[in-house]
């Protein structure tokens, strides 16, 4: 996310689907739809992008989610009300425990 950008973190439960969602949304340059499947592969970096990074972050997050019976999905800003210029929403969905408090 560039300087002056914004990162928003949300956590909410979907009791009907019995899932907890952790969402991280940013106002960065976004991830092209054609590359979303690849950016969760180890060491993959979007071509033509400057900046630090090893290409491991999303791969690690996906593996942790999978180990806990969950999923990782990538999408455009789905909550943004103004016209979307760029940005990404990363959602980790995990199954709720039978003993989850209300």
Protein backbone atom coordinates (compact mmCIF):
# COMPACT_ATOMS: atom_id res chain seq x y z
CA UNK A 1 0.00 0.00 0.00
CA UNK A 2 1.57 3.31 -1.00
CA UNK A 3 2.21 6.14 1.42
CA UNK A 4 -1.09 7.84 2.24
CA UNK A 5 -3.00 4.65 1.43
CA UNK A 6 -5.21 2.78 3.84
CA UNK A 7 -5.32 -0.76 5.21
CA UNK A 8 -8.53 -1.96 6.87
CA UNK A 9 -8.84 -5.15 8.93
CA UNK A 10 -12.22 -6.72 9.74
CA UNK A 11 -13.27 -9.85 11.61
CA UNK A 12 -16.82 -11.15 11.53
CA UNK A 13 -18.73 -14.40 11.96
CA UNK A 14 -21.16 -15.89 9.47
CA UNK A 15 -23.20 -18.09 11.78
CA UNK A 16 -25.33 -19.46 8.93
CA UNK A 17 -22.26 -20.74 7.06
CA UNK A 18 -20.49 -21.51 10.39
CA UNK A 19 -17.44 -19.50 9.30
CA UNK A 20 -15.31 -16.76 10.79
CA UNK A 21 -13.86 -14.30 8.27
CA UNK A 22 -10.67 -12.27 8.72
CA UNK A 23 -10.44 -9.63 6.00
CA UNK A 24 -7.57 -7.32 5.10
CA UNK A 25 -8.38 -4.67 2.51
CA UNK A 26 -5.95 -2.12 1.10
CA UNK A 27 -5.87 0.80 -1.32
CA UNK A 28 -2.69 -0.35 -3.03
CA UNK A 29 -2.17 -1.06 -6.73
CA UNK A 30 -4.32 -4.19 -6.60
CA UNK A 31 -3.71 -7.68 -7.93
CA UNK A 32 -4.79 -8.24 -11.54
CA UNK A 33 -7.51 -10.91 -11.75
CA UNK A 34 -5.32 -12.94 -14.12
CA UNK A 35 -2.58 -13.20 -11.46
CA UNK A 36 -4.68 -13.94 -8.36
CA UNK A 37 -4.20 -17.70 -8.58
CA UNK A 38 -0.44 -17.31 -8.95
CA UNK A 39 0.24 -14.81 -6.15
CA UNK A 40 -0.46 -17.49 -3.54
CA UNK A 41 2.30 -19.69 -4.97
CA UNK A 42 5.63 -19.64 -3.15
CA UNK A 43 8.11 -17.07 -4.46
CA UNK A 44 5.73 -15.66 -7.07
CA UNK A 45 5.88 -11.89 -7.49
CA UNK A 46 3.76 -9.81 -9.84
CA UNK A 47 5.81 -8.89 -12.88
CA UNK A 48 6.75 -5.24 -13.19
CA UNK A 49 6.18 -4.43 -9.51
CA UNK A 50 8.86 -2.63 -7.57
CA UNK A 51 9.32 -3.05 -3.84
CA UNK A 52 10.43 -5.45 -1.21
CA UNK A 53 9.02 -8.90 -0.78
CA UNK A 54 10.00 -12.49 -1.25
CA UNK A 55 6.73 -13.78 -2.66
CA UNK A 56 6.10 -15.90 0.42
CA UNK A 57 3.54 -13.95 2.47
CA UNK A 58 0.29 -15.06 0.83
CA UNK A 59 1.61 -18.61 0.34
CA UNK A 60 2.27 -18.86 4.08
CA UNK A 61 -1.13 -17.40 4.97
CA UNK A 62 -2.89 -19.81 2.60
CA UNK A 63 -1.04 -22.79 4.10
CA UNK A 64 -1.93 -21.76 7.67
CA UNK A 65 -5.60 -21.29 6.69
CA UNK A 66 -5.62 -24.69 4.98
CA UNK A 67 -4.05 -26.38 8.03
CA UNK A 68 -6.97 -25.04 10.09
CA UNK A 69 -9.63 -26.20 7.61
CA UNK A 70 -10.04 -22.77 6.05
CA UNK A 71 -9.57 -20.96 2.78
CA UNK A 72 -7.90 -17.82 1.46
CA UNK A 73 -9.58 -15.77 -1.27
CA UNK A 74 -8.53 -12.61 -3.10
CA UNK A 75 -10.92 -10.07 -4.55
CA UNK A 76 -11.29 -6.43 -5.52
CA UNK A 77 -12.50 -3.96 -2.91
CA UNK A 78 -15.97 -5.22 -2.16
CA UNK A 79 -16.78 -2.71 0.59
CA UNK A 80 -15.47 0.44 -1.07
CA UNK A 81 -18.28 2.92 -1.77
CA UNK A 82 -16.41 5.35 -4.05
CA UNK A 83 -15.38 4.27 -7.55
CA UNK A 84 -12.63 1.69 -7.17
CA UNK A 85 -9.25 2.79 -8.46
CA UNK A 86 -7.28 -0.17 -7.13
CA UNK A 87 -6.77 -2.29 -4.06
CA UNK A 88 -7.31 -5.84 -2.91
CA UNK A 89 -9.39 -7.67 -0.34
CA UNK A 90 -7.77 -10.76 1.20
CA UNK A 91 -10.25 -12.96 3.09
CA UNK A 92 -9.34 -15.88 5.33
CA UNK A 93 -12.39 -17.99 6.16
CA UNK A 94 -12.15 -20.50 9.01
CA UNK A 95 -14.74 -22.94 10.32
CA UNK A 96 -16.36 -21.93 13.60
CA UNK A 97 -15.91 -24.32 16.47
CA UNK A 98 -18.98 -26.01 17.91
CA UNK A 99 -18.06 -24.34 21.21
CA UNK A 100 -17.68 -20.84 19.71
CA UNK A 101 -19.14 -18.20 22.05
CA UNK A 102 -22.02 -16.01 20.86
